[in-house]
Amino acid sequence: QVQLVESGGGLVQPGGSLRLSCVASGFTFSSYAMRWYRQAPGKERELVAHISSNGSTNYADSRKSRFTISRDNAKNTVYLQMNSLNAEDTAVYYCYARAYNYPWNEYWGQGTQVTVSS
């Protein structure tokens, strides 16, 4: 059974930091690209960050300097370190996995809420 289980969300003050984790099971984690998406109320889901199986990363431009995506293939886990958070970062954050090979399976986690508020 494939699972992506996110954790680490919560309430944080503006300027604070959070580290999200996503633990994968049921597939060969090291063979999948991993991403973090987020969806704010009333808005479309948007890409936050991407990491390939070899560790190369890409970010949405506005978050490049504040967010860091990483992975630990030995632990089947992908992380998102978020610094200098502001109210616009409030959203549900989702973990996503995408296979490199046919049939290009893709999986979503259930999401974790991040709320930035004083």
N, C-alpha and C. Protein backbone atom coordinates (compact mmCIF):
# COMPACT_ATOMS: atom_id res chain seq x y z
N GLN A 1 0.84 -1.18 0.00
CA GLN A 1 0.00 0.00 0.00
C GLN A 1 0.89 1.25 0.00
N VAL A 2 0.67 2.11 -0.98
CA VAL A 2 1.46 3.34 -1.09
C VAL A 2 0.95 4.37 -0.08
N GLN A 3 1.89 4.97 0.62
CA GLN A 3 1.55 6.05 1.54
C GLN A 3 2.59 7.14 1.49
N LEU A 4 2.12 8.37 1.57
CA LEU A 4 2.96 9.54 1.80
C LEU A 4 2.34 10.24 3.01
N VAL A 5 3.11 10.30 4.09
CA VAL A 5 2.57 10.85 5.32
C VAL A 5 3.37 12.07 5.71
N GLU A 6 2.71 13.23 5.63
CA GLU A 6 3.36 14.48 5.99
C GLU A 6 3.21 14.76 7.48
N SER A 7 4.16 15.51 8.01
CA SER A 7 4.09 15.97 9.39
C SER A 7 4.93 17.23 9.53
N GLY A 8 4.79 17.90 10.68
CA GLY A 8 5.61 19.07 10.95
C GLY A 8 4.89 20.39 10.78
N GLY A 9 3.66 20.36 10.27
CA GLY A 9 2.92 21.60 10.14
C GLY A 9 2.44 22.10 11.49
N GLY A 10 1.86 23.30 11.48
CA GLY A 10 1.35 23.87 12.71
C GLY A 10 1.24 25.36 12.63
N LEU A 11 1.09 25.98 13.78
CA LEU A 11 0.98 27.44 13.88
C LEU A 11 2.35 28.02 14.22
N VAL A 12 2.76 29.01 13.47
CA VAL A 12 4.06 29.66 13.69
C VAL A 12 3.90 31.16 13.52
N GLN A 13 4.67 31.92 14.26
CA GLN A 13 4.61 33.37 14.16
C GLN A 13 5.35 33.86 12.91
N PRO A 14 4.97 35.01 12.40
CA PRO A 14 5.71 35.58 11.26
C PRO A 14 7.20 35.69 11.58
N GLY A 15 8.00 35.32 10.60
CA GLY A 15 9.44 35.31 10.80
C GLY A 15 9.99 33.99 11.32
N GLY A 16 9.10 33.10 11.70
CA GLY A 16 9.52 31.82 12.26
C GLY A 16 9.86 30.79 11.21
N SER A 17 10.19 29.59 11.69
CA SER A 17 10.61 28.50 10.82
C SER A 17 9.83 27.23 11.15
N LEU A 18 9.70 26.38 10.15
CA LEU A 18 9.14 25.05 10.32
C LEU A 18 9.88 24.10 9.40
N ARG A 19 9.93 22.83 9.81
CA ARG A 19 10.45 21.79 8.92
C ARG A 19 9.38 20.74 8.74
N LEU A 20 8.97 20.58 7.50
CA LEU A 20 8.00 19.55 7.16
C LEU A 20 8.72 18.27 6.77
N SER A 21 8.11 17.15 7.09
CA SER A 21 8.64 15.85 6.71
C SER A 21 7.56 15.08 5.97
N CYS A 22 8.00 14.22 5.09
CA CYS A 22 7.08 13.33 4.36
C CYS A 22 7.74 11.97 4.28
N VAL A 23 7.13 11.00 4.93
CA VAL A 23 7.64 9.64 4.94
C VAL A 23 6.88 8.82 3.91
N ALA A 24 7.63 8.17 3.03
CA ALA A 24 7.04 7.38 1.95
C ALA A 24 7.14 5.89 2.24
N SER A 25 6.16 5.16 1.76
CA SER A 25 6.20 3.71 1.88
C SER A 25 5.38 3.10 0.74
N GLY A 26 5.71 1.85 0.40
CA GLY A 26 4.95 1.14 -0.61
C GLY A 26 5.48 1.30 -2.03
N PHE A 27 6.57 2.02 -2.21
CA PHE A 27 7.19 2.14 -3.52
C PHE A 27 8.68 2.41 -3.32
N THR A 28 9.43 2.34 -4.43
CA THR A 28 10.89 2.52 -4.36
C THR A 28 11.21 4.01 -4.34
N PHE A 29 11.32 4.53 -3.14
CA PHE A 29 11.46 5.97 -2.94
C PHE A 29 12.61 6.57 -3.75
N SER A 30 13.73 5.89 -3.77
CA SER A 30 14.93 6.43 -4.42
C SER A 30 14.76 6.57 -5.94
N SER A 31 13.74 5.96 -6.49
CA SER A 31 13.49 6.02 -7.94
C SER A 31 12.45 7.05 -8.32
N TYR A 32 12.07 7.87 -7.37
CA TYR A 32 11.03 8.85 -7.60
C TYR A 32 11.54 10.27 -7.36
N ALA A 33 11.11 11.18 -8.23
CA ALA A 33 11.26 12.59 -7.93
C ALA A 33 10.22 12.96 -6.88
N MET A 34 10.59 13.89 -6.02
CA MET A 34 9.69 14.30 -4.94
C MET A 34 9.46 15.81 -5.01
N ARG A 35 8.28 16.20 -4.65
CA ARG A 35 7.93 17.62 -4.67
C ARG A 35 7.10 17.98 -3.45
N TRP A 36 7.13 19.25 -3.13
CA TRP A 36 6.19 19.84 -2.19
C TRP A 36 5.34 20.84 -2.96
N TYR A 37 4.04 20.74 -2.76
CA TYR A 37 3.07 21.69 -3.28
C TYR A 37 2.38 22.32 -2.08
N ARG A 38 1.68 23.40 -2.36
CA ARG A 38 0.85 23.99 -1.32
C ARG A 38 -0.42 24.57 -1.93
N GLN A 39 -1.44 24.66 -1.11
CA GLN A 39 -2.71 25.24 -1.55
C GLN A 39 -3.28 26.10 -0.45
N ALA A 40 -3.38 27.38 -0.74
CA ALA A 40 -3.96 28.34 0.19
C ALA A 40 -5.47 28.40 -0.04
N PRO A 41 -6.21 28.83 0.95
CA PRO A 41 -7.68 28.92 0.80
C PRO A 41 -8.07 29.76 -0.42
N GLY A 42 -8.93 29.21 -1.26
CA GLY A 42 -9.42 29.93 -2.41
C GLY A 42 -8.45 30.03 -3.57
N LYS A 43 -7.31 29.35 -3.45
CA LYS A 43 -6.30 29.42 -4.51
C LYS A 43 -6.01 28.04 -5.06
N GLU A 44 -5.37 28.01 -6.23
CA GLU A 44 -4.99 26.75 -6.83
C GLU A 44 -3.75 26.19 -6.14
N ARG A 45 -3.62 24.88 -6.25
CA ARG A 45 -2.42 24.25 -5.72
C ARG A 45 -1.21 24.69 -6.55
N GLU A 46 -0.10 24.99 -5.87
CA GLU A 46 1.08 25.47 -6.59
C GLU A 46 2.33 24.72 -6.13
N LEU A 47 3.27 24.60 -7.03
CA LEU A 47 4.53 23.94 -6.74
C LEU A 47 5.38 24.82 -5.84
N VAL A 48 5.97 24.20 -4.83
CA VAL A 48 6.88 24.90 -3.92
C VAL A 48 8.32 24.54 -4.26
N ALA A 49 8.60 23.24 -4.32
CA ALA A 49 9.97 22.80 -4.53
C ALA A 49 9.99 21.38 -5.08
N HIS A 50 11.07 21.07 -5.77
CA HIS A 50 11.25 19.77 -6.43
C HIS A 50 12.65 19.26 -6.11
N ILE A 51 12.75 17.94 -5.90
CA ILE A 51 14.06 17.34 -5.74
C ILE A 51 14.08 16.03 -6.53
N SER A 52 15.13 15.85 -7.30
CA SER A 52 15.26 14.64 -8.10
C SER A 52 15.84 13.51 -7.26
N SER A 53 15.92 12.34 -7.86
CA SER A 53 16.43 11.20 -7.11
C SER A 53 17.90 11.36 -6.75
N ASN A 54 18.63 12.15 -7.52
CA ASN A 54 20.05 12.35 -7.23
C ASN A 54 20.31 13.59 -6.37
N GLY A 55 19.23 14.27 -5.98
CA GLY A 55 19.37 15.38 -5.04
C GLY A 55 19.37 16.77 -5.65
N SER A 56 19.29 16.87 -6.97
CA SER A 56 19.23 18.20 -7.56
C SER A 56 17.87 18.83 -7.28
N THR A 57 17.87 20.14 -7.09
CA THR A 57 16.67 20.83 -6.60
C THR A 57 16.25 21.98 -7.50
N ASN A 58 14.96 22.28 -7.43
CA ASN A 58 14.40 23.45 -8.09
C ASN A 58 13.32 24.04 -7.20
N TYR A 59 13.16 25.34 -7.27
CA TYR A 59 12.20 26.03 -6.43
C TYR A 59 11.38 27.03 -7.24
N ALA A 60 10.16 27.25 -6.76
CA ALA A 60 9.41 28.39 -7.27
C ALA A 60 10.22 29.63 -6.91
N ASP A 61 10.34 30.57 -7.84
CA ASP A 61 11.28 31.69 -7.68
C ASP A 61 11.12 32.44 -6.37
N SER A 62 9.89 32.68 -5.99
CA SER A 62 9.65 33.50 -4.81
C SER A 62 10.07 32.82 -3.51
N ARG A 63 10.32 31.50 -3.59
CA ARG A 63 10.64 30.79 -2.34
C ARG A 63 12.08 30.27 -2.34
N LYS A 64 12.82 30.61 -3.36
CA LYS A 64 14.15 30.04 -3.53
C LYS A 64 15.07 30.35 -2.36
N SER A 65 14.97 31.53 -1.80
CA SER A 65 15.92 31.92 -0.76
C SER A 65 15.46 31.54 0.63
N ARG A 66 14.20 31.17 0.81
CA ARG A 66 13.69 30.90 2.15
C ARG A 66 13.43 29.43 2.42
N PHE A 67 13.23 28.65 1.37
CA PHE A 67 12.86 27.24 1.55
C PHE A 67 13.99 26.34 1.05
N THR A 68 14.14 25.20 1.70
CA THR A 68 15.12 24.21 1.28
C THR A 68 14.48 22.83 1.28
N ILE A 69 14.52 22.17 0.14
CA ILE A 69 14.02 20.80 0.05
C ILE A 69 15.21 19.86 0.11
N SER A 70 15.03 18.74 0.78
CA SER A 70 16.09 17.74 0.87
C SER A 70 15.44 16.37 1.00
N ARG A 71 16.25 15.33 0.82
CA ARG A 71 15.72 13.98 0.95
C ARG A 71 16.75 13.07 1.58
N ASP A 72 16.26 12.05 2.24
CA ASP A 72 17.10 11.01 2.81
C ASP A 72 16.57 9.70 2.28
N ASN A 73 17.23 9.17 1.28
CA ASN A 73 16.73 7.94 0.64
C ASN A 73 16.79 6.74 1.59
N ALA A 74 17.69 6.77 2.54
CA ALA A 74 17.78 5.67 3.50
C ALA A 74 16.57 5.65 4.44
N LYS A 75 15.97 6.82 4.63
CA LYS A 75 14.81 6.92 5.52
C LYS A 75 13.50 7.08 4.75
N ASN A 76 13.58 7.05 3.42
CA ASN A 76 12.38 7.24 2.59
C ASN A 76 11.64 8.52 2.96
N THR A 77 12.40 9.57 3.16
CA THR A 77 11.82 10.81 3.67
C THR A 77 12.29 12.01 2.86
N VAL A 78 11.36 12.91 2.61
CA VAL A 78 11.69 14.19 2.00
C VAL A 78 11.30 15.28 3.00
N TYR A 79 12.10 16.34 3.01
CA TYR A 79 11.91 17.43 3.97
C TYR A 79 11.71 18.75 3.25
N LEU A 80 11.08 19.67 3.94
CA LEU A 80 11.00 21.04 3.47
C LEU A 80 11.29 21.95 4.66
N GLN A 81 12.44 22.57 4.64
CA GLN A 81 12.79 23.55 5.66
C GLN A 81 12.30 24.91 5.20
N MET A 82 11.49 25.56 6.02
CA MET A 82 10.91 26.84 5.66
C MET A 82 11.32 27.88 6.69
N ASN A 83 11.96 28.95 6.24
CA ASN A 83 12.43 30.01 7.11
C ASN A 83 11.76 31.33 6.75
N SER A 84 11.82 32.27 7.68
CA SER A 84 11.27 33.61 7.46
C SER A 84 9.84 33.55 6.94
N LEU A 85 9.04 32.77 7.60
CA LEU A 85 7.67 32.56 7.15
C LEU A 85 6.83 33.83 7.33
N ASN A 86 5.91 34.01 6.40
CA ASN A 86 4.98 35.13 6.50
C ASN A 86 3.56 34.63 6.24
N ALA A 87 2.60 35.52 6.39
CA ALA A 87 1.20 35.12 6.31
C ALA A 87 0.85 34.51 4.96
N GLU A 88 1.54 34.94 3.93
CA GLU A 88 1.27 34.40 2.58
C GLU A 88 1.71 32.95 2.43
N ASP A 89 2.47 32.45 3.38
CA ASP A 89 2.87 31.04 3.35
C ASP A 89 1.82 30.13 3.98
N THR A 90 0.79 30.71 4.55
CA THR A 90 -0.29 29.91 5.14
C THR A 90 -0.98 29.09 4.06
N ALA A 91 -1.01 27.77 4.27
CA ALA A 91 -1.57 26.87 3.26
C ALA A 91 -1.51 25.45 3.79
N VAL A 92 -2.16 24.56 3.06
CA VAL A 92 -1.95 23.14 3.27
C VAL A 92 -0.81 22.71 2.35
N TYR A 93 0.18 22.05 2.92
CA TYR A 93 1.35 21.63 2.16
C TYR A 93 1.25 20.13 1.89
N TYR A 94 1.46 19.79 0.62
CA TYR A 94 1.31 18.41 0.17
C TYR A 94 2.63 17.86 -0.36
N CYS A 95 2.87 16.63 -0.04
CA CYS A 95 3.99 15.87 -0.58
C CYS A 95 3.53 15.13 -1.83
N TYR A 96 4.40 15.05 -2.82
CA TYR A 96 4.05 14.43 -4.11
C TYR A 96 5.24 13.62 -4.59
N ALA A 97 4.94 12.45 -5.15
CA ALA A 97 5.98 11.58 -5.70
C ALA A 97 5.64 11.25 -7.15
N ARG A 98 6.67 11.24 -7.98
CA ARG A 98 6.48 10.96 -9.40
C ARG A 98 7.57 10.02 -9.88
N ALA A 99 7.16 8.94 -10.50
CA ALA A 99 8.13 7.96 -11.01
C ALA A 99 8.84 8.50 -12.24
N TYR A 100 10.06 8.02 -12.47
CA TYR A 100 10.82 8.41 -13.66
C TYR A 100 10.48 7.56 -14.87
N ASN A 101 9.91 6.40 -14.61
CA ASN A 101 9.70 5.46 -15.70
C ASN A 101 8.24 5.11 -15.85
N TYR A 102 7.92 4.59 -17.04
CA TYR A 102 6.55 4.14 -17.29
C TYR A 102 6.14 3.15 -16.24
N PRO A 103 4.91 3.20 -15.74
CA PRO A 103 3.79 4.06 -16.14
C PRO A 103 3.72 5.40 -15.42
N TRP A 104 4.86 5.90 -14.98
CA TRP A 104 4.93 7.23 -14.40
C TRP A 104 3.92 7.42 -13.27
N ASN A 105 3.93 6.45 -12.36
CA ASN A 105 3.04 6.55 -11.20
C ASN A 105 3.27 7.85 -10.45
N GLU A 106 2.21 8.38 -9.90
CA GLU A 106 2.32 9.57 -9.07
C GLU A 106 1.40 9.42 -7.86
N TYR A 107 1.88 9.95 -6.75
CA TYR A 107 1.18 9.80 -5.48
C TYR A 107 1.17 11.12 -4.74
N TRP A 108 0.11 11.30 -3.96
CA TRP A 108 -0.04 12.51 -3.13
C TRP A 108 -0.21 12.11 -1.67
N GLY A 109 0.32 12.95 -0.80
CA GLY A 109 0.04 12.82 0.62
C GLY A 109 -1.27 13.51 0.96
N GLN A 110 -1.64 13.41 2.23
CA GLN A 110 -2.92 13.96 2.66
C GLN A 110 -2.82 15.45 3.01
N GLY A 111 -1.61 15.95 3.14
CA GLY A 111 -1.41 17.35 3.43
C GLY A 111 -1.22 17.65 4.91
N THR A 112 -0.49 18.72 5.18
CA THR A 112 -0.30 19.20 6.55
C THR A 112 -0.50 20.72 6.54
N GLN A 113 -1.25 21.19 7.52
CA GLN A 113 -1.60 22.61 7.57
C GLN A 113 -0.45 23.42 8.17
N VAL A 114 -0.11 24.50 7.49
CA VAL A 114 0.84 25.48 8.01
C VAL A 114 0.10 26.81 8.13
N THR A 115 0.09 27.36 9.32
CA THR A 115 -0.57 28.64 9.56
C THR A 115 0.45 29.61 10.15
N VAL A 116 0.62 30.74 9.48
CA VAL A 116 1.56 31.77 9.95
C VAL A 116 0.73 32.95 10.45
N SER A 117 0.79 33.15 11.74
CA SER A 117 -0.04 34.19 12.35
C SER A 117 0.53 34.59 13.70
N SER A 118 0.35 35.86 14.05
CA SER A 118 0.76 36.33 15.36
C SER A 118 -0.38 36.22 16.37
